[in-house]
Amino acid sequence: MKHALITGASRGLGLALARSLAADGWALTLTARGEEDLHCAAFDLDTSAGVTAIAGDVADPAHRARLAEAVPRLDLLVNNASRLGAVPLPPLAGYPLDDLRDLFETNVIAPLALIQATLPALRARGGAVLNISSDAAVEPYEGWGGYGATKAALDQISNVLAVEEPGITVWWVDPGEMRTRMLADAVGAEEAAAAPEPETVASALLRLIAARPAGGRFTRDTLE
């Protein structure tokens, strides 16, 4: 039985991927900040392999330690939890620096720290890390400088980790726009409603995980 740990799993892409993996027979450990939403999501999953829900903030070292302790056997770590940062999206010239520091803490430091904490389990199983990136990591969208900078940093962490840890596989994936609360917060509910559902991306990620290609950066288009 394969075991995955998914952050940001109470809604959006994290939940959609959890559903896909559960249907494929994976055991899951799920985490997100909202305890009620997380436990409702876990309860609704259709799986016989087992689901554990551990609410908390991945930016909290104590919570990361609890997660690592909960997954002594781990085949897949999905770093999906992310924050958008200051809204309305501000230009870099006026970006609140305290908000930017918090954004890096959640979007960059926390994923790396969780990778560090779970590496022994991943190495033992020849597992994989899937880091969720963004096209904002490589494209100069106005207002997206803070968020994009964190995703660019996560991309490079993934890139180097793939070289330094040949015993595991590291993927970093730009899923494109999805109909999520985060996108609605950024661009408005009407524009976000026109984006594809997260389930379309989750199915592509499931194919990636099953095919197990060499580590690297992928986009939704390259996965379809």
N, C-alpha and C. Protein backbone atom coordinates (compact mmCIF):
# COMPACT_ATOMS: atom_id res chain seq x y z
N MET A 1 0.83 -1.19 0.00
CA MET A 1 0.00 0.00 0.00
C MET A 1 0.87 1.25 0.00
N LYS A 2 0.55 2.19 -0.87
CA LYS A 2 1.31 3.43 -0.94
C LYS A 2 0.66 4.51 -0.08
N HIS A 3 1.53 5.38 0.48
CA HIS A 3 1.06 6.39 1.43
C HIS A 3 1.51 7.77 0.94
N ALA A 4 0.56 8.72 0.92
CA ALA A 4 0.86 10.09 0.50
C ALA A 4 0.50 11.06 1.62
N LEU A 5 1.30 12.10 1.75
CA LEU A 5 1.03 13.22 2.64
C LEU A 5 0.76 14.44 1.76
N ILE A 6 -0.42 15.05 1.92
CA ILE A 6 -0.83 16.18 1.10
C ILE A 6 -1.11 17.38 2.00
N THR A 7 -0.46 18.49 1.74
CA THR A 7 -0.75 19.72 2.48
C THR A 7 -1.76 20.56 1.69
N GLY A 8 -2.48 21.42 2.43
CA GLY A 8 -3.52 22.21 1.77
C GLY A 8 -4.60 21.34 1.18
N ALA A 9 -5.02 20.31 1.94
CA ALA A 9 -5.87 19.25 1.38
C ALA A 9 -7.35 19.42 1.65
N SER A 10 -7.77 20.54 2.23
CA SER A 10 -9.18 20.67 2.58
C SER A 10 -10.04 21.19 1.44
N ARG A 11 -9.41 21.73 0.39
CA ARG A 11 -10.18 22.25 -0.75
C ARG A 11 -9.25 22.39 -1.95
N GLY A 12 -9.83 22.80 -3.07
CA GLY A 12 -9.03 23.09 -4.26
C GLY A 12 -8.29 21.89 -4.79
N LEU A 13 -7.09 22.15 -5.29
CA LEU A 13 -6.29 21.09 -5.90
C LEU A 13 -5.90 20.02 -4.89
N GLY A 14 -5.59 20.41 -3.68
CA GLY A 14 -5.20 19.43 -2.67
C GLY A 14 -6.28 18.40 -2.43
N LEU A 15 -7.53 18.86 -2.30
CA LEU A 15 -8.64 17.94 -2.09
C LEU A 15 -8.91 17.11 -3.33
N ALA A 16 -8.85 17.75 -4.50
CA ALA A 16 -9.09 17.01 -5.74
C ALA A 16 -8.06 15.89 -5.92
N LEU A 17 -6.80 16.18 -5.60
CA LEU A 17 -5.77 15.14 -5.71
C LEU A 17 -5.97 14.06 -4.66
N ALA A 18 -6.38 14.45 -3.46
CA ALA A 18 -6.66 13.46 -2.42
C ALA A 18 -7.75 12.49 -2.89
N ARG A 19 -8.79 13.02 -3.52
CA ARG A 19 -9.86 12.16 -4.03
C ARG A 19 -9.34 11.19 -5.09
N SER A 20 -8.50 11.70 -5.98
CA SER A 20 -7.96 10.85 -7.05
C SER A 20 -7.07 9.75 -6.48
N LEU A 21 -6.21 10.10 -5.53
CA LEU A 21 -5.32 9.10 -4.94
C LEU A 21 -6.10 8.09 -4.10
N ALA A 22 -7.12 8.57 -3.39
CA ALA A 22 -7.94 7.65 -2.59
C ALA A 22 -8.62 6.63 -3.50
N ALA A 23 -9.15 7.10 -4.63
CA ALA A 23 -9.80 6.19 -5.57
C ALA A 23 -8.82 5.20 -6.17
N ASP A 24 -7.53 5.56 -6.17
CA ASP A 24 -6.50 4.70 -6.72
C ASP A 24 -5.90 3.77 -5.65
N GLY A 25 -6.45 3.81 -4.44
CA GLY A 25 -6.03 2.88 -3.41
C GLY A 25 -4.93 3.35 -2.49
N TRP A 26 -4.60 4.63 -2.52
CA TRP A 26 -3.55 5.16 -1.65
C TRP A 26 -4.08 5.40 -0.23
N ALA A 27 -3.24 5.15 0.76
CA ALA A 27 -3.48 5.64 2.11
C ALA A 27 -3.02 7.09 2.16
N LEU A 28 -3.76 7.92 2.92
CA LEU A 28 -3.51 9.35 2.89
C LEU A 28 -3.37 9.94 4.28
N THR A 29 -2.45 10.87 4.41
CA THR A 29 -2.40 11.77 5.55
C THR A 29 -2.60 13.17 5.00
N LEU A 30 -3.63 13.84 5.49
CA LEU A 30 -4.02 15.14 4.96
C LEU A 30 -3.86 16.22 6.02
N THR A 31 -3.48 17.41 5.57
CA THR A 31 -3.38 18.52 6.50
C THR A 31 -3.83 19.80 5.83
N ALA A 32 -4.36 20.71 6.65
CA ALA A 32 -4.76 22.04 6.22
C ALA A 32 -5.00 22.85 7.50
N ARG A 33 -5.13 24.16 7.35
CA ARG A 33 -5.31 25.00 8.53
C ARG A 33 -6.71 24.88 9.12
N GLY A 34 -7.74 24.79 8.28
CA GLY A 34 -9.11 24.75 8.78
C GLY A 34 -9.51 23.37 9.24
N GLU A 35 -9.65 23.19 10.55
CA GLU A 35 -9.90 21.85 11.10
C GLU A 35 -11.23 21.28 10.63
N GLU A 36 -12.30 22.08 10.68
CA GLU A 36 -13.62 21.56 10.30
C GLU A 36 -13.65 21.17 8.83
N ASP A 37 -13.15 22.05 7.96
CA ASP A 37 -13.14 21.74 6.52
C ASP A 37 -12.29 20.50 6.23
N LEU A 38 -11.16 20.39 6.92
CA LEU A 38 -10.27 19.26 6.68
C LEU A 38 -10.94 17.95 7.07
N HIS A 39 -11.56 17.91 8.24
CA HIS A 39 -12.16 16.65 8.69
C HIS A 39 -13.38 16.30 7.85
N CYS A 40 -14.12 17.30 7.39
CA CYS A 40 -15.24 17.01 6.47
C CYS A 40 -14.72 16.42 5.16
N ALA A 41 -13.63 17.00 4.65
CA ALA A 41 -13.04 16.49 3.41
C ALA A 41 -12.57 15.06 3.58
N ALA A 42 -11.89 14.78 4.69
CA ALA A 42 -11.38 13.44 4.93
C ALA A 42 -12.51 12.43 5.09
N PHE A 43 -13.57 12.84 5.76
CA PHE A 43 -14.71 11.95 6.00
C PHE A 43 -15.37 11.55 4.69
N ASP A 44 -15.40 12.47 3.74
CA ASP A 44 -16.10 12.22 2.47
C ASP A 44 -15.28 11.41 1.46
N LEU A 45 -14.00 11.17 1.76
CA LEU A 45 -13.18 10.44 0.79
C LEU A 45 -13.59 8.98 0.70
N ASP A 46 -13.65 8.49 -0.52
CA ASP A 46 -14.04 7.11 -0.78
C ASP A 46 -12.78 6.25 -0.88
N THR A 47 -12.37 5.68 0.25
CA THR A 47 -11.16 4.86 0.25
C THR A 47 -11.24 3.80 1.34
N SER A 48 -10.66 2.65 1.07
CA SER A 48 -10.55 1.60 2.08
C SER A 48 -9.14 1.53 2.63
N ALA A 49 -8.26 2.38 2.11
CA ALA A 49 -6.85 2.32 2.50
C ALA A 49 -6.55 3.11 3.76
N GLY A 50 -7.44 4.01 4.14
CA GLY A 50 -7.25 4.76 5.36
C GLY A 50 -6.86 6.21 5.13
N VAL A 51 -7.47 7.09 5.91
CA VAL A 51 -7.20 8.53 5.82
C VAL A 51 -7.00 9.08 7.22
N THR A 52 -5.92 9.83 7.39
CA THR A 52 -5.66 10.52 8.64
C THR A 52 -5.65 12.02 8.38
N ALA A 53 -6.39 12.77 9.17
CA ALA A 53 -6.45 14.22 9.02
C ALA A 53 -5.81 14.88 10.23
N ILE A 54 -4.84 15.76 9.97
CA ILE A 54 -4.12 16.44 11.05
C ILE A 54 -4.14 17.94 10.74
N ALA A 55 -5.01 18.68 11.40
CA ALA A 55 -5.15 20.11 11.12
C ALA A 55 -3.99 20.89 11.72
N GLY A 56 -3.60 21.95 11.01
CA GLY A 56 -2.53 22.81 11.50
C GLY A 56 -1.92 23.60 10.37
N ASP A 57 -1.03 24.49 10.74
CA ASP A 57 -0.38 25.39 9.79
C ASP A 57 1.01 24.84 9.47
N VAL A 58 1.31 24.62 8.19
CA VAL A 58 2.61 24.06 7.82
C VAL A 58 3.76 25.01 8.15
N ALA A 59 3.45 26.29 8.40
CA ALA A 59 4.49 27.23 8.80
C ALA A 59 4.90 27.05 10.27
N ASP A 60 4.18 26.22 11.00
CA ASP A 60 4.45 25.95 12.43
C ASP A 60 5.37 24.74 12.55
N PRO A 61 6.58 24.92 13.08
CA PRO A 61 7.51 23.79 13.20
C PRO A 61 6.95 22.61 13.98
N ALA A 62 6.17 22.89 15.03
CA ALA A 62 5.61 21.80 15.83
C ALA A 62 4.61 20.99 15.00
N HIS A 63 3.86 21.66 14.16
CA HIS A 63 2.91 20.94 13.30
C HIS A 63 3.66 20.08 12.28
N ARG A 64 4.72 20.63 11.70
CA ARG A 64 5.50 19.83 10.75
C ARG A 64 6.09 18.59 11.42
N ALA A 65 6.50 18.74 12.66
CA ALA A 65 7.03 17.58 13.39
C ALA A 65 5.96 16.51 13.59
N ARG A 66 4.73 16.95 13.89
CA ARG A 66 3.63 15.99 14.04
C ARG A 66 3.37 15.26 12.73
N LEU A 67 3.42 16.00 11.63
CA LEU A 67 3.17 15.37 10.33
C LEU A 67 4.25 14.33 10.02
N ALA A 68 5.50 14.69 10.23
CA ALA A 68 6.59 13.76 9.94
C ALA A 68 6.49 12.51 10.81
N GLU A 69 6.09 12.68 12.05
CA GLU A 69 5.94 11.53 12.95
C GLU A 69 4.81 10.62 12.49
N ALA A 70 3.80 11.21 11.84
CA ALA A 70 2.62 10.45 11.42
C ALA A 70 2.87 9.62 10.17
N VAL A 71 3.99 9.86 9.46
CA VAL A 71 4.23 9.17 8.19
C VAL A 71 5.60 8.48 8.19
N PRO A 72 5.79 7.47 9.04
CA PRO A 72 7.07 6.76 9.03
C PRO A 72 7.31 6.00 7.73
N ARG A 73 6.22 5.67 7.03
CA ARG A 73 6.30 5.07 5.69
C ARG A 73 5.65 6.06 4.73
N LEU A 74 6.44 6.57 3.78
CA LEU A 74 5.92 7.63 2.91
C LEU A 74 6.43 7.44 1.49
N ASP A 75 5.49 7.42 0.55
CA ASP A 75 5.84 7.28 -0.87
C ASP A 75 5.72 8.58 -1.64
N LEU A 76 4.94 9.53 -1.13
CA LEU A 76 4.70 10.76 -1.87
C LEU A 76 4.39 11.90 -0.91
N LEU A 77 5.15 12.99 -1.04
CA LEU A 77 4.87 14.22 -0.31
C LEU A 77 4.40 15.26 -1.32
N VAL A 78 3.21 15.81 -1.11
CA VAL A 78 2.67 16.85 -1.99
C VAL A 78 2.64 18.16 -1.23
N ASN A 79 3.52 19.08 -1.60
CA ASN A 79 3.54 20.41 -1.01
C ASN A 79 2.61 21.31 -1.83
N ASN A 80 1.35 21.33 -1.40
CA ASN A 80 0.32 22.10 -2.10
C ASN A 80 -0.11 23.34 -1.33
N ALA A 81 0.01 23.32 -0.01
CA ALA A 81 -0.42 24.45 0.81
C ALA A 81 0.32 25.71 0.39
N SER A 82 -0.43 26.80 0.27
CA SER A 82 0.16 28.04 -0.22
C SER A 82 -0.71 29.20 0.18
N ARG A 83 -0.11 30.36 0.29
CA ARG A 83 -0.85 31.60 0.52
C ARG A 83 -0.63 32.55 -0.63
N LEU A 84 -1.61 33.41 -0.86
CA LEU A 84 -1.55 34.36 -1.95
C LEU A 84 -0.75 35.60 -1.59
N GLY A 85 -0.79 35.98 -0.32
CA GLY A 85 -0.13 37.21 0.10
C GLY A 85 -1.11 38.36 0.19
N ALA A 86 -0.58 39.57 0.16
CA ALA A 86 -1.41 40.76 0.32
C ALA A 86 -2.43 40.87 -0.82
N VAL A 87 -3.67 41.20 -0.46
CA VAL A 87 -4.72 41.47 -1.45
C VAL A 87 -5.44 42.76 -1.08
N PRO A 88 -5.87 43.54 -2.09
CA PRO A 88 -5.63 43.35 -3.52
C PRO A 88 -4.14 43.26 -3.84
N LEU A 89 -3.82 42.52 -4.90
CA LEU A 89 -2.43 42.26 -5.22
C LEU A 89 -1.68 43.58 -5.45
N PRO A 90 -0.66 43.87 -4.61
CA PRO A 90 0.02 45.15 -4.72
C PRO A 90 1.24 45.09 -5.64
N PRO A 91 1.61 46.22 -6.23
CA PRO A 91 2.87 46.26 -6.98
C PRO A 91 4.05 46.10 -6.03
N LEU A 92 5.17 45.64 -6.56
CA LEU A 92 6.34 45.43 -5.71
C LEU A 92 6.82 46.72 -5.06
N ALA A 93 6.62 47.85 -5.73
CA ALA A 93 7.08 49.13 -5.17
C ALA A 93 6.43 49.43 -3.83
N GLY A 94 5.24 48.89 -3.61
CA GLY A 94 4.56 49.13 -2.35
C GLY A 94 4.20 47.87 -1.59
N TYR A 95 4.89 46.76 -1.90
CA TYR A 95 4.53 45.49 -1.27
C TYR A 95 4.86 45.55 0.23
N PRO A 96 3.91 45.24 1.11
CA PRO A 96 4.19 45.23 2.55
C PRO A 96 5.22 44.15 2.89
N LEU A 97 6.36 44.56 3.40
CA LEU A 97 7.46 43.61 3.56
C LEU A 97 7.18 42.56 4.63
N ASP A 98 6.42 42.91 5.66
CA ASP A 98 6.08 41.90 6.66
C ASP A 98 5.20 40.82 6.03
N ASP A 99 4.28 41.23 5.15
CA ASP A 99 3.46 40.25 4.45
C ASP A 99 4.31 39.36 3.55
N LEU A 100 5.31 39.97 2.92
CA LEU A 100 6.18 39.20 2.04
C LEU A 100 6.99 38.17 2.82
N ARG A 101 7.47 38.56 3.99
CA ARG A 101 8.21 37.61 4.83
C ARG A 101 7.32 36.43 5.22
N ASP A 102 6.08 36.72 5.61
CA ASP A 102 5.15 35.64 5.97
C ASP A 102 4.87 34.74 4.77
N LEU A 103 4.79 35.36 3.59
CA LEU A 103 4.52 34.59 2.38
C LEU A 103 5.65 33.62 2.08
N PHE A 104 6.89 34.08 2.21
CA PHE A 104 8.04 33.20 2.01
C PHE A 104 8.07 32.09 3.07
N GLU A 105 7.65 32.41 4.27
CA GLU A 105 7.64 31.41 5.34
C GLU A 105 6.72 30.24 4.99
N THR A 106 5.54 30.57 4.46
CA THR A 106 4.56 29.53 4.12
C THR A 106 4.87 28.84 2.80
N ASN A 107 5.23 29.61 1.78
CA ASN A 107 5.34 29.08 0.42
C ASN A 107 6.71 28.50 0.08
N VAL A 108 7.73 28.84 0.87
CA VAL A 108 9.09 28.38 0.56
C VAL A 108 9.71 27.63 1.74
N ILE A 109 9.79 28.30 2.88
CA ILE A 109 10.46 27.68 4.04
C ILE A 109 9.70 26.44 4.52
N ALA A 110 8.39 26.55 4.63
CA ALA A 110 7.60 25.41 5.14
C ALA A 110 7.71 24.18 4.24
N PRO A 111 7.58 24.31 2.90
CA PRO A 111 7.75 23.11 2.08
C PRO A 111 9.13 22.48 2.20
N LEU A 112 10.17 23.30 2.24
CA LEU A 112 11.52 22.75 2.39
C LEU A 112 11.67 22.08 3.74
N ALA A 113 11.15 22.71 4.79
CA ALA A 113 11.26 22.12 6.13
C ALA A 113 10.52 20.79 6.21
N LEU A 114 9.38 20.70 5.55
CA LEU A 114 8.63 19.43 5.57
C LEU A 114 9.36 18.37 4.75
N ILE A 115 9.98 18.78 3.66
CA ILE A 115 10.81 17.83 2.90
C ILE A 115 11.94 17.31 3.79
N GLN A 116 12.63 18.22 4.49
CA GLN A 116 13.72 17.80 5.36
C GLN A 116 13.24 16.81 6.42
N ALA A 117 12.06 17.10 6.99
CA ALA A 117 11.54 16.26 8.07
C ALA A 117 11.12 14.87 7.58
N THR A 118 10.69 14.77 6.33
CA THR A 118 10.19 13.49 5.81
C THR A 118 11.19 12.78 4.91
N LEU A 119 12.35 13.37 4.67
CA LEU A 119 13.33 12.75 3.77
C LEU A 119 13.73 11.33 4.18
N PRO A 120 13.95 11.07 5.46
CA PRO A 120 14.31 9.68 5.81
C PRO A 120 13.25 8.67 5.35
N ALA A 121 11.98 9.00 5.54
CA ALA A 121 10.91 8.10 5.11
C ALA A 121 10.84 8.01 3.59
N LEU A 122 11.02 9.12 2.91
CA LEU A 122 11.00 9.12 1.44
C LEU A 122 12.17 8.34 0.87
N ARG A 123 13.35 8.54 1.44
CA ARG A 123 14.53 7.81 0.97
C ARG A 123 14.35 6.30 1.14
N ALA A 124 13.78 5.91 2.27
CA ALA A 124 13.62 4.48 2.56
C ALA A 124 12.70 3.80 1.56
N ARG A 125 11.77 4.55 0.99
CA ARG A 125 10.79 3.98 0.07
C ARG A 125 11.06 4.35 -1.39
N GLY A 126 12.15 5.10 -1.63
CA GLY A 126 12.38 5.59 -2.98
C GLY A 126 11.21 6.44 -3.44
N GLY A 127 10.74 7.32 -2.56
CA GLY A 127 9.52 8.07 -2.80
C GLY A 127 9.69 9.27 -3.71
N ALA A 128 8.68 10.12 -3.71
CA ALA A 128 8.66 11.28 -4.60
C ALA A 128 8.14 12.50 -3.85
N VAL A 129 8.59 13.66 -4.31
CA VAL A 129 8.10 14.95 -3.82
C VAL A 129 7.44 15.66 -4.99
N LEU A 130 6.24 16.15 -4.76
CA LEU A 130 5.51 16.92 -5.77
C LEU A 130 5.25 18.31 -5.20
N ASN A 131 5.95 19.30 -5.72
CA ASN A 131 5.77 20.68 -5.29
C ASN A 131 4.90 21.44 -6.29
N ILE A 132 3.85 22.09 -5.80
CA ILE A 132 2.93 22.80 -6.68
C ILE A 132 3.45 24.22 -6.90
N SER A 133 3.75 24.52 -8.15
CA SER A 133 4.33 25.81 -8.54
C SER A 133 3.24 26.68 -9.18
N SER A 134 3.64 27.57 -10.06
CA SER A 134 2.71 28.50 -10.71
C SER A 134 3.38 29.10 -11.92
N ASP A 135 2.56 29.52 -12.90
CA ASP A 135 3.16 30.26 -14.02
C ASP A 135 3.66 31.62 -13.57
N ALA A 136 3.19 32.09 -12.40
CA ALA A 136 3.70 33.35 -11.85
C ALA A 136 5.17 33.24 -11.44
N ALA A 137 5.69 32.01 -11.36
CA ALA A 137 7.11 31.82 -11.05
C ALA A 137 8.00 32.23 -12.20
N VAL A 138 7.46 32.23 -13.42
CA VAL A 138 8.30 32.48 -14.60
C VAL A 138 7.77 33.61 -15.48
N GLU A 139 6.53 34.09 -15.23
CA GLU A 139 5.94 35.15 -16.04
C GLU A 139 5.79 36.43 -15.22
N PRO A 140 6.00 37.61 -15.83
CA PRO A 140 5.95 38.88 -15.09
C PRO A 140 4.54 39.48 -15.04
N TYR A 141 3.65 38.87 -14.28
CA TYR A 141 2.29 39.39 -14.15
C TYR A 141 2.26 40.54 -13.14
N GLU A 142 1.66 41.63 -13.52
CA GLU A 142 1.55 42.77 -12.59
C GLU A 142 0.77 42.36 -11.35
N GLY A 143 1.31 42.73 -10.21
CA GLY A 143 0.66 42.43 -8.94
C GLY A 143 1.01 41.08 -8.35
N TRP A 144 1.59 40.22 -9.17
CA TRP A 144 1.89 38.87 -8.72
C TRP A 144 3.36 38.71 -8.30
N GLY A 145 4.07 39.81 -8.12
CA GLY A 145 5.51 39.73 -7.83
C GLY A 145 5.84 39.00 -6.55
N GLY A 146 5.08 39.26 -5.49
CA GLY A 146 5.37 38.60 -4.21
C GLY A 146 5.11 37.12 -4.28
N TYR A 147 3.91 36.73 -4.70
CA TYR A 147 3.56 35.32 -4.82
C TYR A 147 4.48 34.63 -5.82
N GLY A 148 4.71 35.28 -6.98
CA GLY A 148 5.55 34.68 -8.00
C GLY A 148 6.97 34.46 -7.53
N ALA A 149 7.49 35.38 -6.72
CA ALA A 149 8.85 35.23 -6.20
C ALA A 149 8.96 34.00 -5.30
N THR A 150 7.91 33.74 -4.51
CA THR A 150 7.97 32.55 -3.65
C THR A 150 7.93 31.28 -4.48
N LYS A 151 7.13 31.28 -5.54
CA LYS A 151 7.04 30.08 -6.38
C LYS A 151 8.32 29.89 -7.20
N ALA A 152 8.95 30.98 -7.61
CA ALA A 152 10.25 30.86 -8.30
C ALA A 152 11.29 30.26 -7.36
N ALA A 153 11.27 30.67 -6.10
CA ALA A 153 12.19 30.10 -5.11
C ALA A 153 11.91 28.62 -4.89
N LEU A 154 10.62 28.26 -4.83
CA LEU A 154 10.27 26.84 -4.66
C LEU A 154 10.71 26.02 -5.87
N ASP A 155 10.59 26.60 -7.06
CA ASP A 155 11.07 25.91 -8.26
C ASP A 155 12.55 25.59 -8.16
N GLN A 156 13.34 26.58 -7.73
CA GLN A 156 14.78 26.36 -7.67
C GLN A 156 15.16 25.39 -6.55
N ILE A 157 14.45 25.45 -5.45
CA ILE A 157 14.66 24.45 -4.40
C ILE A 157 14.40 23.05 -4.94
N SER A 158 13.32 22.91 -5.70
CA SER A 158 12.98 21.61 -6.30
C SER A 158 14.06 21.17 -7.27
N ASN A 159 14.53 22.10 -8.07
CA ASN A 159 15.54 21.82 -9.09
C ASN A 159 16.83 21.30 -8.45
N VAL A 160 17.28 21.96 -7.41
CA VAL A 160 18.51 21.55 -6.73
C VAL A 160 18.30 20.25 -5.96
N LEU A 161 17.13 20.12 -5.31
CA LEU A 161 16.84 18.90 -4.55
C LEU A 161 16.87 17.68 -5.46
N ALA A 162 16.38 17.84 -6.68
CA ALA A 162 16.38 16.73 -7.63
C ALA A 162 17.79 16.24 -7.93
N VAL A 163 18.76 17.14 -7.90
CA VAL A 163 20.16 16.78 -8.13
C VAL A 163 20.78 16.19 -6.87
N GLU A 164 20.47 16.79 -5.74
CA GLU A 164 21.11 16.38 -4.48
C GLU A 164 20.55 15.06 -3.93
N GLU A 165 19.31 14.71 -4.32
CA GLU A 165 18.66 13.51 -3.77
C GLU A 165 18.29 12.54 -4.90
N PRO A 166 19.27 11.89 -5.50
CA PRO A 166 18.97 11.00 -6.62
C PRO A 166 18.16 9.77 -6.23
N GLY A 167 18.06 9.49 -4.93
CA GLY A 167 17.31 8.32 -4.49
C GLY A 167 15.80 8.55 -4.44
N ILE A 168 15.36 9.80 -4.61
CA ILE A 168 13.94 10.09 -4.69
C ILE A 168 13.68 10.84 -5.99
N THR A 169 12.41 11.02 -6.32
CA THR A 169 12.03 11.77 -7.52
C THR A 169 11.38 13.08 -7.10
N VAL A 170 11.77 14.17 -7.75
CA VAL A 170 11.21 15.48 -7.42
C VAL A 170 10.57 16.08 -8.66
N TRP A 171 9.28 16.39 -8.54
CA TRP A 171 8.56 17.08 -9.61
C TRP A 171 8.08 18.43 -9.08
N TRP A 172 8.11 19.44 -9.93
CA TRP A 172 7.46 20.71 -9.61
C TRP A 172 6.57 21.06 -10.78
N VAL A 173 5.30 21.32 -10.46
CA VAL A 173 4.26 21.39 -11.49
C VAL A 173 3.52 22.73 -11.42
N ASP A 174 3.44 23.38 -12.58
CA ASP A 174 2.60 24.57 -12.74
C ASP A 174 1.22 24.09 -13.20
N PRO A 175 0.20 24.17 -12.35
CA PRO A 175 -1.11 23.62 -12.72
C PRO A 175 -1.96 24.56 -13.57
N GLY A 176 -1.49 25.81 -13.76
CA GLY A 176 -2.30 26.77 -14.50
C GLY A 176 -3.45 27.28 -13.64
N GLU A 177 -4.29 28.14 -14.24
CA GLU A 177 -5.43 28.69 -13.50
C GLU A 177 -6.44 27.59 -13.20
N MET A 178 -6.99 27.65 -11.98
CA MET A 178 -8.03 26.70 -11.57
C MET A 178 -9.12 27.47 -10.84
N ARG A 179 -10.30 26.91 -10.83
CA ARG A 179 -11.44 27.54 -10.16
C ARG A 179 -11.33 27.30 -8.66
N THR A 180 -10.55 28.15 -7.99
CA THR A 180 -10.30 28.00 -6.57
C THR A 180 -10.58 29.31 -5.85
N ARG A 181 -10.67 29.22 -4.53
CA ARG A 181 -10.88 30.42 -3.71
C ARG A 181 -9.70 31.37 -3.83
N MET A 182 -8.49 30.81 -3.93
CA MET A 182 -7.32 31.67 -4.05
C MET A 182 -7.37 32.50 -5.33
N LEU A 183 -7.72 31.87 -6.44
CA LEU A 183 -7.81 32.63 -7.70
C LEU A 183 -8.91 33.68 -7.61
N ALA A 184 -10.03 33.35 -6.98
CA ALA A 184 -11.11 34.32 -6.83
C ALA A 184 -10.66 35.50 -5.99
N ASP A 185 -9.87 35.25 -4.96
CA ASP A 185 -9.34 36.34 -4.14
C ASP A 185 -8.43 37.25 -4.96
N ALA A 186 -7.74 36.65 -5.93
CA ALA A 186 -6.76 37.41 -6.71
C ALA A 186 -7.39 38.19 -7.85
N VAL A 187 -8.32 37.57 -8.58
CA VAL A 187 -8.82 38.18 -9.82
C VAL A 187 -10.32 38.44 -9.79
N GLY A 188 -11.00 38.01 -8.75
CA GLY A 188 -12.43 38.19 -8.67
C GLY A 188 -13.17 36.90 -8.98
N ALA A 189 -14.35 36.75 -8.39
CA ALA A 189 -15.11 35.51 -8.53
C ALA A 189 -15.55 35.25 -9.96
N GLU A 190 -15.91 36.32 -10.69
CA GLU A 190 -16.42 36.12 -12.05
C GLU A 190 -15.34 35.55 -12.97
N GLU A 191 -14.13 36.13 -12.93
CA GLU A 191 -13.06 35.62 -13.79
C GLU A 191 -12.63 34.23 -13.35
N ALA A 192 -12.57 34.00 -12.03
CA ALA A 192 -12.15 32.69 -11.53
C ALA A 192 -13.13 31.60 -11.94
N ALA A 193 -14.41 31.94 -12.07
CA ALA A 193 -15.43 30.95 -12.43
C ALA A 193 -15.22 30.39 -13.83
N ALA A 194 -14.47 31.11 -14.66
CA ALA A 194 -14.23 30.64 -16.02
C ALA A 194 -13.04 29.68 -16.11
N ALA A 195 -12.31 29.52 -15.03
CA ALA A 195 -11.13 28.64 -15.04
C ALA A 195 -11.55 27.18 -14.89
N PRO A 196 -10.70 26.25 -15.32
CA PRO A 196 -11.02 24.82 -15.18
C PRO A 196 -11.11 24.40 -13.71
N GLU A 197 -11.88 23.37 -13.47
CA GLU A 197 -11.99 22.81 -12.12
C GLU A 197 -10.68 22.14 -11.72
N PRO A 198 -10.34 22.15 -10.41
CA PRO A 198 -9.11 21.48 -9.96
C PRO A 198 -9.06 20.00 -10.31
N GLU A 199 -10.20 19.36 -10.47
CA GLU A 199 -10.23 17.93 -10.78
C GLU A 199 -9.54 17.62 -12.10
N THR A 200 -9.59 18.57 -13.05
CA THR A 200 -8.94 18.32 -14.33
C THR A 200 -7.42 18.25 -14.17
N VAL A 201 -6.90 19.05 -13.25
CA VAL A 201 -5.46 19.02 -12.98
C VAL A 201 -5.11 17.79 -12.15
N ALA A 202 -5.96 17.45 -11.20
CA ALA A 202 -5.69 16.29 -10.35
C ALA A 202 -5.56 15.02 -11.17
N SER A 203 -6.39 14.87 -12.19
CA SER A 203 -6.29 13.66 -13.02
C SER A 203 -4.96 13.63 -13.77
N ALA A 204 -4.48 14.80 -14.20
CA ALA A 204 -3.18 14.86 -14.87
C ALA A 204 -2.06 14.54 -13.89
N LEU A 205 -2.18 15.01 -12.67
CA LEU A 205 -1.16 14.71 -11.65
C LEU A 205 -1.14 13.23 -11.31
N LEU A 206 -2.32 12.62 -11.29
CA LEU A 206 -2.37 11.18 -11.01
C LEU A 206 -1.64 10.40 -12.10
N ARG A 207 -1.80 10.82 -13.34
CA ARG A 207 -1.07 10.16 -14.43
C ARG A 207 0.44 10.35 -14.28
N LEU A 208 0.85 11.54 -13.86
CA LEU A 208 2.27 11.80 -13.62
C LEU A 208 2.81 10.87 -12.55
N ILE A 209 2.08 10.77 -11.46
CA ILE A 209 2.53 9.94 -10.33
C ILE A 209 2.61 8.47 -10.75
N ALA A 210 1.63 8.02 -11.52
CA ALA A 210 1.61 6.62 -11.96
C ALA A 210 2.72 6.33 -12.96
N ALA A 211 2.99 7.27 -13.86
CA ALA A 211 4.02 7.05 -14.88
C ALA A 211 5.43 7.16 -14.32
N ARG A 212 5.58 7.93 -13.24
CA ARG A 212 6.85 8.10 -12.55
C ARG A 212 7.99 8.50 -13.50
N PRO A 213 7.84 9.62 -14.23
CA PRO A 213 8.95 10.08 -15.07
C PRO A 213 10.07 10.64 -14.21
N ALA A 214 11.21 10.91 -14.83
CA ALA A 214 12.31 11.55 -14.12
C ALA A 214 11.86 12.90 -13.59
N GLY A 215 12.54 13.35 -12.55
CA GLY A 215 12.19 14.63 -11.94
C GLY A 215 12.32 15.78 -12.92
N GLY A 216 11.57 16.85 -12.66
CA GLY A 216 11.64 18.03 -13.51
C GLY A 216 10.42 18.89 -13.34
N ARG A 217 10.39 19.98 -14.13
CA ARG A 217 9.27 20.91 -14.10
C ARG A 217 8.26 20.55 -15.18
N PHE A 218 6.98 20.53 -14.80
CA PHE A 218 5.90 20.21 -15.71
C PHE A 218 4.85 21.29 -15.65
N THR A 219 4.09 21.45 -16.71
CA THR A 219 2.92 22.29 -16.72
C THR A 219 1.70 21.43 -17.01
N ARG A 220 0.52 21.99 -16.79
CA ARG A 220 -0.68 21.23 -17.10
C ARG A 220 -0.70 20.81 -18.58
N ASP A 221 -0.27 21.68 -19.46
CA ASP A 221 -0.29 21.36 -20.90
C ASP A 221 0.61 20.16 -21.21
N THR A 222 1.78 20.10 -20.57
CA THR A 222 2.69 18.99 -20.86
C THR A 222 2.20 17.68 -20.26
N LEU A 223 1.31 17.75 -19.30
CA LEU A 223 0.80 16.54 -18.66
C LEU A 223 -0.43 16.00 -19.36
N GLU A 224 -1.06 16.82 -20.20
CA GLU A 224 -2.30 16.39 -20.87
C GLU A 224 -2.04 15.77 -22.22
